[in-house]
Amino acid sequence: MLVTPKGGSYPHTVDGAGVRKVLHELRSRAIENFNGQFKAIFDANGPVPTRGERATARWVLGAVLVYQLTLLHRHEHGLDLRVGLQPFLQAA
């Protein structure tokens, strides 16, 4: 059973608190792995090569699109989705 949080002191003891904890840990781990991989591939650990909010948003959106197309291509060809992404993108 999954119950939405109601607030209150920690640790939560209501029904579903354990399920929420597991789901939160899985999501957190997946997001952090994606962020790290994305930043490494597109060299985004420092300042991005754009100026202004609109240009930066456009750059990030383009990077996400290229990342997704790369994963789709690698999936369709049965390649590992996590190994060799940066060299693949640099060769393209």
PDB file of N, CA and C in Angstrom:
ATOM      1  N   MET A   1       0.847  -1.164   0.000  1.00  0.00           N
ATOM      2  CA  MET A   1       0.000   0.000   0.000  1.00  0.00           C
ATOM      3  C   MET A   1       0.899   1.236   0.000  1.00  0.00           C
ATOM      4  N   LEU A   2       0.569   2.207  -0.832  1.00  0.00           N
ATOM      5  CA  LEU A   2       1.301   3.460  -0.877  1.00  0.00           C
ATOM      6  C   LEU A   2       0.384   4.569  -0.393  1.00  0.00           C
ATOM      7  N   VAL A   3       0.835   5.295   0.612  1.00  0.00           N
ATOM      8  CA  VAL A   3       0.052   6.373   1.198  1.00  0.00           C
ATOM      9  C   VAL A   3       0.828   7.665   1.044  1.00  0.00           C
ATOM     10  N   THR A   4       0.155   8.732   0.648  1.00  0.00           N
ATOM     11  CA  THR A   4       0.835  10.008   0.502  1.00  0.00           C
ATOM     12  C   THR A   4       1.242  10.548   1.860  1.00  0.00           C
ATOM     13  N   PRO A   5       2.339  11.300   1.927  1.00  0.00           N
ATOM     14  CA  PRO A   5       2.816  11.808   3.206  1.00  0.00           C
ATOM     15  C   PRO A   5       1.847  12.831   3.797  1.00  0.00           C
ATOM     16  N   LYS A   6       1.756  12.816   5.111  1.00  0.00           N
ATOM     17  CA  LYS A   6       0.872  13.738   5.816  1.00  0.00           C
ATOM     18  C   LYS A   6       1.649  14.749   6.654  1.00  0.00           C
ATOM     19  N   GLY A   7       2.968  14.683   6.606  1.00  0.00           N
ATOM     20  CA  GLY A   7       3.755  15.585   7.453  1.00  0.00           C
ATOM     21  C   GLY A   7       3.948  14.986   8.823  1.00  0.00           C
ATOM     22  N   GLY A   8       4.529  15.739   9.707  1.00  0.00           N
ATOM     23  CA  GLY A   8       4.766  15.257  11.059  1.00  0.00           C
ATOM     24  C   GLY A   8       6.232  14.952  11.267  1.00  0.00           C
ATOM     25  N   SER A   9       6.523  14.458  12.461  1.00  0.00           N
ATOM     26  CA  SER A   9       7.919  14.220  12.819  1.00  0.00           C
ATOM     27  C   SER A   9       8.440  12.932  12.183  1.00  0.00           C
ATOM     28  N   TYR A  10       9.763  12.886  12.055  1.00  0.00           N
ATOM     29  CA  TYR A  10      10.439  11.710  11.512  1.00  0.00           C
ATOM     30  C   TYR A  10      10.822  10.790  12.641  1.00  0.00           C
ATOM     31  N   PRO A  11      10.914   9.520  12.446  1.00  0.00           N
ATOM     32  CA  PRO A  11      10.577   8.792  11.215  1.00  0.00           C
ATOM     33  C   PRO A  11       9.074   8.603  11.105  1.00  0.00           C
ATOM     34  N   HIS A  12       8.582   8.642   9.872  1.00  0.00           N
ATOM     35  CA  HIS A  12       7.155   8.438   9.650  1.00  0.00           C
ATOM     36  C   HIS A  12       6.824   6.975   9.901  1.00  0.00           C
ATOM     37  N   THR A  13       5.720   6.753  10.540  1.00  0.00           N
ATOM     38  CA  THR A  13       5.333   5.381  10.895  1.00  0.00           C
ATOM     39  C   THR A  13       3.992   4.987  10.279  1.00  0.00           C
ATOM     40  N   VAL A  14       3.421   5.843   9.443  1.00  0.00           N
ATOM     41  CA  VAL A  14       2.131   5.518   8.841  1.00  0.00           C
ATOM     42  C   VAL A  14       2.307   4.427   7.797  1.00  0.00           C
ATOM     43  N   ASP A  15       1.180   3.787   7.431  1.00  0.00           N
ATOM     44  CA  ASP A  15       1.215   2.776   6.383  1.00  0.00           C
ATOM     45  C   ASP A  15       1.764   3.389   5.096  1.00  0.00           C
ATOM     46  N   GLY A  16       2.633   2.685   4.440  1.00  0.00           N
ATOM     47  CA  GLY A  16       3.173   3.138   3.175  1.00  0.00           C
ATOM     48  C   GLY A  16       4.469   3.917   3.292  1.00  0.00           C
ATOM     49  N   ALA A  17       4.894   4.251   4.500  1.00  0.00           N
ATOM     50  CA  ALA A  17       6.127   5.022   4.665  1.00  0.00           C
ATOM     51  C   ALA A  17       7.333   4.228   4.168  1.00  0.00           C
ATOM     52  N   GLY A  18       7.347   2.946   4.408  1.00  0.00           N
ATOM     53  CA  GLY A  18       8.454   2.107   3.941  1.00  0.00           C
ATOM     54  C   GLY A  18       8.527   2.041   2.425  1.00  0.00           C
ATOM     55  N   VAL A  19       7.351   1.942   1.793  1.00  0.00           N
ATOM     56  CA  VAL A  19       7.304   1.897   0.333  1.00  0.00           C
ATOM     57  C   VAL A  19       7.797   3.209  -0.243  1.00  0.00           C
ATOM     58  N   ARG A  20       7.345   4.338   0.325  1.00  0.00           N
ATOM     59  CA  ARG A  20       7.796   5.648  -0.151  1.00  0.00           C
ATOM     60  C   ARG A  20       9.296   5.794  -0.004  1.00  0.00           C
ATOM     61  N   LYS A  21       9.848   5.287   1.083  1.00  0.00           N
ATOM     62  CA  LYS A  21      11.285   5.384   1.319  1.00  0.00           C
ATOM     63  C   LYS A  21      12.058   4.626   0.237  1.00  0.00           C
ATOM     64  N   VAL A  22      11.623   3.420  -0.079  1.00  0.00           N
ATOM     65  CA  VAL A  22      12.295   2.617  -1.107  1.00  0.00           C
ATOM     66  C   VAL A  22      12.195   3.311  -2.467  1.00  0.00           C
ATOM     67  N   LEU A  23      10.999   3.788  -2.827  1.00  0.00           N
ATOM     68  CA  LEU A  23      10.820   4.457  -4.108  1.00  0.00           C
ATOM     69  C   LEU A  23      11.665   5.721  -4.196  1.00  0.00           C
ATOM     70  N   HIS A  24      11.739   6.481  -3.095  1.00  0.00           N
ATOM     71  CA  HIS A  24      12.552   7.698  -3.076  1.00  0.00           C
ATOM     72  C   HIS A  24      14.029   7.367  -3.254  1.00  0.00           C
ATOM     73  N   GLU A  25      14.512   6.319  -2.600  1.00  0.00           N
ATOM     74  CA  GLU A  25      15.918   5.935  -2.737  1.00  0.00           C
ATOM     75  C   GLU A  25      16.238   5.505  -4.169  1.00  0.00           C
ATOM     76  N   LEU A  26      15.352   4.728  -4.792  1.00  0.00           N
ATOM     77  CA  LEU A  26      15.576   4.302  -6.172  1.00  0.00           C
ATOM     78  C   LEU A  26      15.598   5.493  -7.128  1.00  0.00           C
ATOM     79  N   ARG A  27      14.647   6.404  -6.962  1.00  0.00           N
ATOM     80  CA  ARG A  27      14.590   7.587  -7.819  1.00  0.00           C
ATOM     81  C   ARG A  27      15.823   8.446  -7.623  1.00  0.00           C
ATOM     82  N   SER A  28      16.212   8.635  -6.384  1.00  0.00           N
ATOM     83  CA  SER A  28      17.378   9.463  -6.092  1.00  0.00           C
ATOM     84  C   SER A  28      18.633   8.880  -6.730  1.00  0.00           C
ATOM     85  N   ARG A  29      18.804   7.584  -6.616  1.00  0.00           N
ATOM     86  CA  ARG A  29      19.974   6.923  -7.197  1.00  0.00           C
ATOM     87  C   ARG A  29      19.972   7.049  -8.724  1.00  0.00           C
ATOM     88  N   ALA A  30      18.820   6.850  -9.338  1.00  0.00           N
ATOM     89  CA  ALA A  30      18.726   6.933 -10.796  1.00  0.00           C
ATOM     90  C   ALA A  30      18.991   8.355 -11.284  1.00  0.00           C
ATOM     91  N   ILE A  31      18.434   9.349 -10.613  1.00  0.00           N
ATOM     92  CA  ILE A  31      18.610  10.740 -11.023  1.00  0.00           C
ATOM     93  C   ILE A  31      20.063  11.155 -10.865  1.00  0.00           C
ATOM     94  N   GLU A  32      20.693  10.795  -9.764  1.00  0.00           N
ATOM     95  CA  GLU A  32      22.085  11.175  -9.551  1.00  0.00           C
ATOM     96  C   GLU A  32      22.999  10.528 -10.584  1.00  0.00           C
ATOM     97  N   ASN A  33      22.740   9.270 -10.938  1.00  0.00           N
ATOM     98  CA  ASN A  33      23.530   8.611 -11.980  1.00  0.00           C
ATOM     99  C   ASN A  33      23.352   9.309 -13.318  1.00  0.00           C
ATOM    100  N   PHE A  34      22.113   9.655 -13.642  1.00  0.00           N
ATOM    101  CA  PHE A  34      21.861  10.345 -14.900  1.00  0.00           C
ATOM    102  C   PHE A  34      22.557  11.702 -14.917  1.00  0.00           C
ATOM    103  N   ASN A  35      22.407  12.474 -13.839  1.00  0.00           N
ATOM    104  CA  ASN A  35      23.029  13.799 -13.790  1.00  0.00           C
ATOM    105  C   ASN A  35      24.532  13.714 -13.964  1.00  0.00           C
ATOM    106  N   GLY A  36      25.162  12.792 -13.277  1.00  0.00           N
ATOM    107  CA  GLY A  36      26.609  12.641 -13.383  1.00  0.00           C
ATOM    108  C   GLY A  36      27.039  12.253 -14.787  1.00  0.00           C
ATOM    109  N   GLN A  37      26.336  11.304 -15.374  1.00  0.00           N
ATOM    110  CA  GLN A  37      26.673  10.848 -16.719  1.00  0.00           C
ATOM    111  C   GLN A  37      26.433  11.963 -17.739  1.00  0.00           C
ATOM    112  N   PHE A  38      25.321  12.654 -17.616  1.00  0.00           N
ATOM    113  CA  PHE A  38      24.987  13.731 -18.538  1.00  0.00           C
ATOM    114  C   PHE A  38      26.019  14.852 -18.473  1.00  0.00           C
ATOM    115  N   LYS A  39      26.380  15.259 -17.263  1.00  0.00           N
ATOM    116  CA  LYS A  39      27.362  16.330 -17.100  1.00  0.00           C
ATOM    117  C   LYS A  39      28.727  15.925 -17.640  1.00  0.00           C
ATOM    118  N   ALA A  40      29.101  14.679 -17.461  1.00  0.00           N
ATOM    119  CA  ALA A  40      30.395  14.217 -17.967  1.00  0.00           C
ATOM    120  C   ALA A  40      30.403  14.174 -19.492  1.00  0.00           C
ATOM    121  N   ILE A  41      29.336  13.695 -20.087  1.00  0.00           N
ATOM    122  CA  ILE A  41      29.277  13.574 -21.542  1.00  0.00           C
ATOM    123  C   ILE A  41      29.298  14.941 -22.213  1.00  0.00           C
ATOM    124  N   PHE A  42      28.529  15.876 -21.686  1.00  0.00           N
ATOM    125  CA  PHE A  42      28.403  17.183 -22.326  1.00  0.00           C
ATOM    126  C   PHE A  42      29.280  18.254 -21.674  1.00  0.00           C
ATOM    127  N   ASP A  43      30.223  17.832 -20.850  1.00  0.00           N
ATOM    128  CA  ASP A  43      31.162  18.741 -20.201  1.00  0.00           C
ATOM    129  C   ASP A  43      30.426  19.904 -19.540  1.00  0.00           C
ATOM    130  N   ALA A  44      29.415  19.572 -18.754  1.00  0.00           N
ATOM    131  CA  ALA A  44      28.578  20.585 -18.117  1.00  0.00           C
ATOM    132  C   ALA A  44      28.820  20.668 -16.615  1.00  0.00           C
ATOM    133  N   ASN A  45      29.996  20.278 -16.142  1.00  0.00           N
ATOM    134  CA  ASN A  45      30.294  20.396 -14.719  1.00  0.00           C
ATOM    135  C   ASN A  45      30.601  21.827 -14.320  1.00  0.00           C
ATOM    136  N   GLY A  46      30.985  22.633 -15.277  1.00  0.00           N
ATOM    137  CA  GLY A  46      31.270  24.039 -15.023  1.00  0.00           C
ATOM    138  C   GLY A  46      30.256  24.897 -15.758  1.00  0.00           C
ATOM    139  N   PRO A  47      30.673  26.103 -16.111  1.00  0.00           N
ATOM    140  CA  PRO A  47      29.761  26.977 -16.857  1.00  0.00           C
ATOM    141  C   PRO A  47      29.469  26.417 -18.250  1.00  0.00           C
ATOM    142  N   VAL A  48      28.245  26.584 -18.685  1.00  0.00           N
ATOM    143  CA  VAL A  48      27.877  26.136 -20.029  1.00  0.00           C
ATOM    144  C   VAL A  48      28.325  27.182 -21.042  1.00  0.00           C
ATOM    145  N   PRO A  49      28.489  26.786 -22.301  1.00  0.00           N
ATOM    146  CA  PRO A  49      29.044  27.706 -23.302  1.00  0.00           C
ATOM    147  C   PRO A  49      28.031  28.696 -23.881  1.00  0.00           C
ATOM    148  N   THR A  50      27.066  29.125 -23.085  1.00  0.00           N
ATOM    149  CA  THR A  50      26.061  30.065 -23.567  1.00  0.00           C
ATOM    150  C   THR A  50      25.921  31.213 -22.585  1.00  0.00           C
ATOM    151  N   ARG A  51      25.257  32.263 -23.031  1.00  0.00           N
ATOM    152  CA  ARG A  51      24.967  33.401 -22.167  1.00  0.00           C
ATOM    153  C   ARG A  51      23.470  33.650 -22.212  1.00  0.00           C
ATOM    154  N   GLY A  52      22.892  33.867 -21.069  1.00  0.00           N
ATOM    155  CA  GLY A  52      21.460  34.147 -20.997  1.00  0.00           C
ATOM    156  C   GLY A  52      20.646  32.899 -20.724  1.00  0.00           C
ATOM    157  N   GLU A  53      19.510  33.130 -20.085  1.00  0.00           N
ATOM    158  CA  GLU A  53      18.650  32.011 -19.675  1.00  0.00           C
ATOM    159  C   GLU A  53      18.061  31.272 -20.874  1.00  0.00           C
ATOM    160  N   ARG A  54      17.599  31.993 -21.862  1.00  0.00           N
ATOM    161  CA  ARG A  54      16.971  31.354 -23.021  1.00  0.00           C
ATOM    162  C   ARG A  54      17.984  30.512 -23.803  1.00  0.00           C
ATOM    163  N   ALA A  55      19.170  31.069 -24.028  1.00  0.00           N
ATOM    164  CA  ALA A  55      20.200  30.335 -24.766  1.00  0.00           C
ATOM    165  C   ALA A  55      20.654  29.104 -23.989  1.00  0.00           C
ATOM    166  N   THR A  56      20.757  29.230 -22.677  1.00  0.00           N
ATOM    167  CA  THR A  56      21.161  28.086 -21.851  1.00  0.00           C
ATOM    168  C   THR A  56      20.082  27.005 -21.870  1.00  0.00           C
ATOM    169  N   ALA A  57      18.823  27.410 -21.769  1.00  0.00           N
ATOM    170  CA  ALA A  57      17.726  26.441 -21.822  1.00  0.00           C
ATOM    171  C   ALA A  57      17.728  25.715 -23.166  1.00  0.00           C
ATOM    172  N   ARG A  58      17.983  26.449 -24.246  1.00  0.00           N
ATOM    173  CA  ARG A  58      18.047  25.852 -25.574  1.00  0.00           C
ATOM    174  C   ARG A  58      19.204  24.862 -25.676  1.00  0.00           C
ATOM    175  N   TRP A  59      20.351  25.214 -25.101  1.00  0.00           N
ATOM    176  CA  TRP A  59      21.524  24.340 -25.122  1.00  0.00           C
ATOM    177  C   TRP A  59      21.235  23.046 -24.366  1.00  0.00           C
ATOM    178  N   VAL A  60      20.630  23.162 -23.185  1.00  0.00           N
ATOM    179  CA  VAL A  60      20.320  21.972 -22.376  1.00  0.00           C
ATOM    180  C   VAL A  60      19.291  21.110 -23.093  1.00  0.00           C
ATOM    181  N   LEU A  61      18.271  21.714 -23.676  1.00  0.00           N
ATOM    182  CA  LEU A  61      17.257  20.954 -24.399  1.00  0.00           C
ATOM    183  C   LEU A  61      17.872  20.209 -25.585  1.00  0.00           C
ATOM    184  N   GLY A  62      18.762  20.878 -26.295  1.00  0.00           N
ATOM    185  CA  GLY A  62      19.457  20.218 -27.402  1.00  0.00           C
ATOM    186  C   GLY A  62      20.315  19.061 -26.928  1.00  0.00           C
ATOM    187  N   ALA A  63      21.001  19.246 -25.803  1.00  0.00           N
ATOM    188  CA  ALA A  63      21.838  18.181 -25.255  1.00  0.00           C
ATOM    189  C   ALA A  63      20.990  16.986 -24.837  1.00  0.00           C
ATOM    190  N   VAL A  64      19.838  17.234 -24.229  1.00  0.00           N
ATOM    191  CA  VAL A  64      18.948  16.137 -23.822  1.00  0.00           C
ATOM    192  C   VAL A  64      18.433  15.400 -25.057  1.00  0.00           C
ATOM    193  N   LEU A  65      18.081  16.135 -26.105  1.00  0.00           N
ATOM    194  CA  LEU A  65      17.613  15.502 -27.341  1.00  0.00           C
ATOM    195  C   LEU A  65      18.698  14.610 -27.948  1.00  0.00           C
ATOM    196  N   VAL A  66      19.917  15.119 -28.031  1.00  0.00           N
ATOM    197  CA  VAL A  66      21.026  14.321 -28.576  1.00  0.00           C
ATOM    198  C   VAL A  66      21.257  13.087 -27.712  1.00  0.00           C
ATOM    199  N   TYR A  67      21.198  13.244 -26.399  1.00  0.00           N
ATOM    200  CA  TYR A  67      21.385  12.126 -25.472  1.00  0.00           C
ATOM    201  C   TYR A  67      20.326  11.055 -25.706  1.00  0.00           C
ATOM    202  N   GLN A  68      19.066  11.476 -25.829  1.00  0.00           N
ATOM    203  CA  GLN A  68      17.986  10.517 -26.036  1.00  0.00           C
ATOM    204  C   GLN A  68      18.100   9.810 -27.385  1.00  0.00           C
ATOM    205  N   LEU A  69      18.453  10.551 -28.426  1.00  0.00           N
ATOM    206  CA  LEU A  69      18.629   9.930 -29.739  1.00  0.00           C
ATOM    207  C   LEU A  69      19.788   8.933 -29.729  1.00  0.00           C
ATOM    208  N   THR A  70      20.846   9.265 -28.987  1.00  0.00           N
ATOM    209  CA  THR A  70      21.981   8.346 -28.869  1.00  0.00           C
ATOM    210  C   THR A  70      21.564   7.061 -28.163  1.00  0.00           C
ATOM    211  N   LEU A  71      20.820   7.201 -27.072  1.00  0.00           N
ATOM    212  CA  LEU A  71      20.352   6.004 -26.354  1.00  0.00           C
ATOM    213  C   LEU A  71      19.427   5.166 -27.228  1.00  0.00           C
ATOM    214  N   LEU A  72      18.554   5.811 -27.988  1.00  0.00           N
ATOM    215  CA  LEU A  72      17.655   5.084 -28.880  1.00  0.00           C
ATOM    216  C   LEU A  72      18.457   4.314 -29.932  1.00  0.00           C
ATOM    217  N   HIS A  73      19.428   4.963 -30.541  1.00  0.00           N
ATOM    218  CA  HIS A  73      20.267   4.313 -31.550  1.00  0.00           C
ATOM    219  C   HIS A  73      20.996   3.112 -30.957  1.00  0.00           C
ATOM    220  N   ARG A  74      21.592   3.297 -29.782  1.00  0.00           N
ATOM    221  CA  ARG A  74      22.352   2.208 -29.151  1.00  0.00           C
ATOM    222  C   ARG A  74      21.425   1.062 -28.741  1.00  0.00           C
ATOM    223  N   HIS A  75      20.230   1.390 -28.275  1.00  0.00           N
ATOM    224  CA  HIS A  75      19.266   0.353 -27.899  1.00  0.00           C
ATOM    225  C   HIS A  75      18.849  -0.458 -29.126  1.00  0.00           C
ATOM    226  N   GLU A  76      18.564   0.222 -30.235  1.00  0.00           N
ATOM    227  CA  GLU A  76      18.128  -0.467 -31.450  1.00  0.00           C
ATOM    228  C   GLU A  76      19.214  -1.370 -32.027  1.00  0.00           C
ATOM    229  N   HIS A  77      20.480  -1.056 -31.751  1.00  0.00           N
ATOM    230  CA  HIS A  77      21.582  -1.863 -32.261  1.00  0.00           C
ATOM    231  C   HIS A  77      22.133  -2.829 -31.206  1.00  0.00           C
ATOM    232  N   GLY A  78      21.458  -2.953 -30.073  1.00  0.00           N
ATOM    233  CA  GLY A  78      21.850  -3.904 -29.038  1.00  0.00           C
ATOM    234  C   GLY A  78      23.149  -3.558 -28.329  1.00  0.00           C
ATOM    235  N   LEU A  79      23.521  -2.285 -28.328  1.00  0.00           N
ATOM    236  CA  LEU A  79      24.754  -1.860 -27.668  1.00  0.00           C
ATOM    237  C   LEU A  79      24.486  -1.494 -26.213  1.00  0.00           C
ATOM    238  N   ASP A  80      25.539  -1.499 -25.411  1.00  0.00           N
ATOM    239  CA  ASP A  80      25.422  -1.116 -24.006  1.00  0.00           C
ATOM    240  C   ASP A  80      25.044   0.358 -23.923  1.00  0.00           C
ATOM    241  N   LEU A  81      24.022   0.663 -23.118  1.00  0.00           N
ATOM    242  CA  LEU A  81      23.527   2.034 -23.032  1.00  0.00           C
ATOM    243  C   LEU A  81      24.379   2.926 -22.134  1.00  0.00           C
ATOM    244  N   ARG A  82      25.280   2.338 -21.351  1.00  0.00           N
ATOM    245  CA  ARG A  82      26.032   3.141 -20.387  1.00  0.00           C
ATOM    246  C   ARG A  82      27.517   3.213 -20.686  1.00  0.00           C
ATOM    247  N   VAL A  83      27.993   2.417 -21.594  1.00  0.00           N
ATOM    248  CA  VAL A  83      29.427   2.359 -21.859  1.00  0.00           C
ATOM    249  C   VAL A  83      29.695   2.932 -23.245  1.00  0.00           C
ATOM    250  N   GLY A  84      30.644   3.852 -23.329  1.00  0.00           N
ATOM    251  CA  GLY A  84      31.084   4.386 -24.606  1.00  0.00           C
ATOM    252  C   GLY A  84      30.223   5.473 -25.190  1.00  0.00           C
ATOM    253  N   LEU A  85      29.387   6.127 -24.384  1.00  0.00           N
ATOM    254  CA  LEU A  85      28.537   7.184 -24.916  1.00  0.00           C
ATOM    255  C   LEU A  85      29.344   8.406 -25.353  1.00  0.00           C
ATOM    256  N   GLN A  86      30.307   8.814 -24.547  1.00  0.00           N
ATOM    257  CA  GLN A  86      31.071  10.011 -24.877  1.00  0.00           C
ATOM    258  C   GLN A  86      31.887   9.821 -26.161  1.00  0.00           C
ATOM    259  N   PRO A  87      32.636   8.731 -26.308  1.00  0.00           N
ATOM    260  CA  PRO A  87      33.343   8.541 -27.592  1.00  0.00           C
ATOM    261  C   PRO A  87      32.393   8.450 -28.784  1.00  0.00           C
ATOM    262  N   PHE A  88      31.234   7.820 -28.578  1.00  0.00           N
ATOM    263  CA  PHE A  88      30.244   7.719 -29.654  1.00  0.00           C
ATOM    264  C   PHE A  88      29.788   9.099 -30.088  1.00  0.00           C
ATOM    265  N   LEU A  89      29.488   9.976 -29.129  1.00  0.00           N
ATOM    266  CA  LEU A  89      29.032  11.323 -29.463  1.00  0.00           C
ATOM    267  C   LEU A  89      30.141  12.163 -30.088  1.00  0.00           C
ATOM    268  N   GLN A  90      31.372  11.972 -29.635  1.00  0.00           N
ATOM    269  CA  GLN A  90      32.472  12.731 -30.196  1.00  0.00           C
ATOM    270  C   GLN A  90      32.772  12.295 -31.617  1.00  0.00           C
ATOM    271  N   ALA A  91      32.501  11.053 -31.958  1.00  0.00           N
ATOM    272  CA  ALA A  91      32.759  10.547 -33.305  1.00  0.00           C
ATOM    273  C   ALA A  91      31.691  11.004 -34.297  1.00  0.00           C
ATOM    274  N   ALA A  92      30.536  11.341 -33.769  1.00  0.00           N
ATOM    275  CA  ALA A  92      29.404  11.715 -34.663  1.00  0.00           C
ATOM    276  C   ALA A  92      29.580  13.087 -35.260  1.00  0.00           C
TER     277      ALA A  92
END
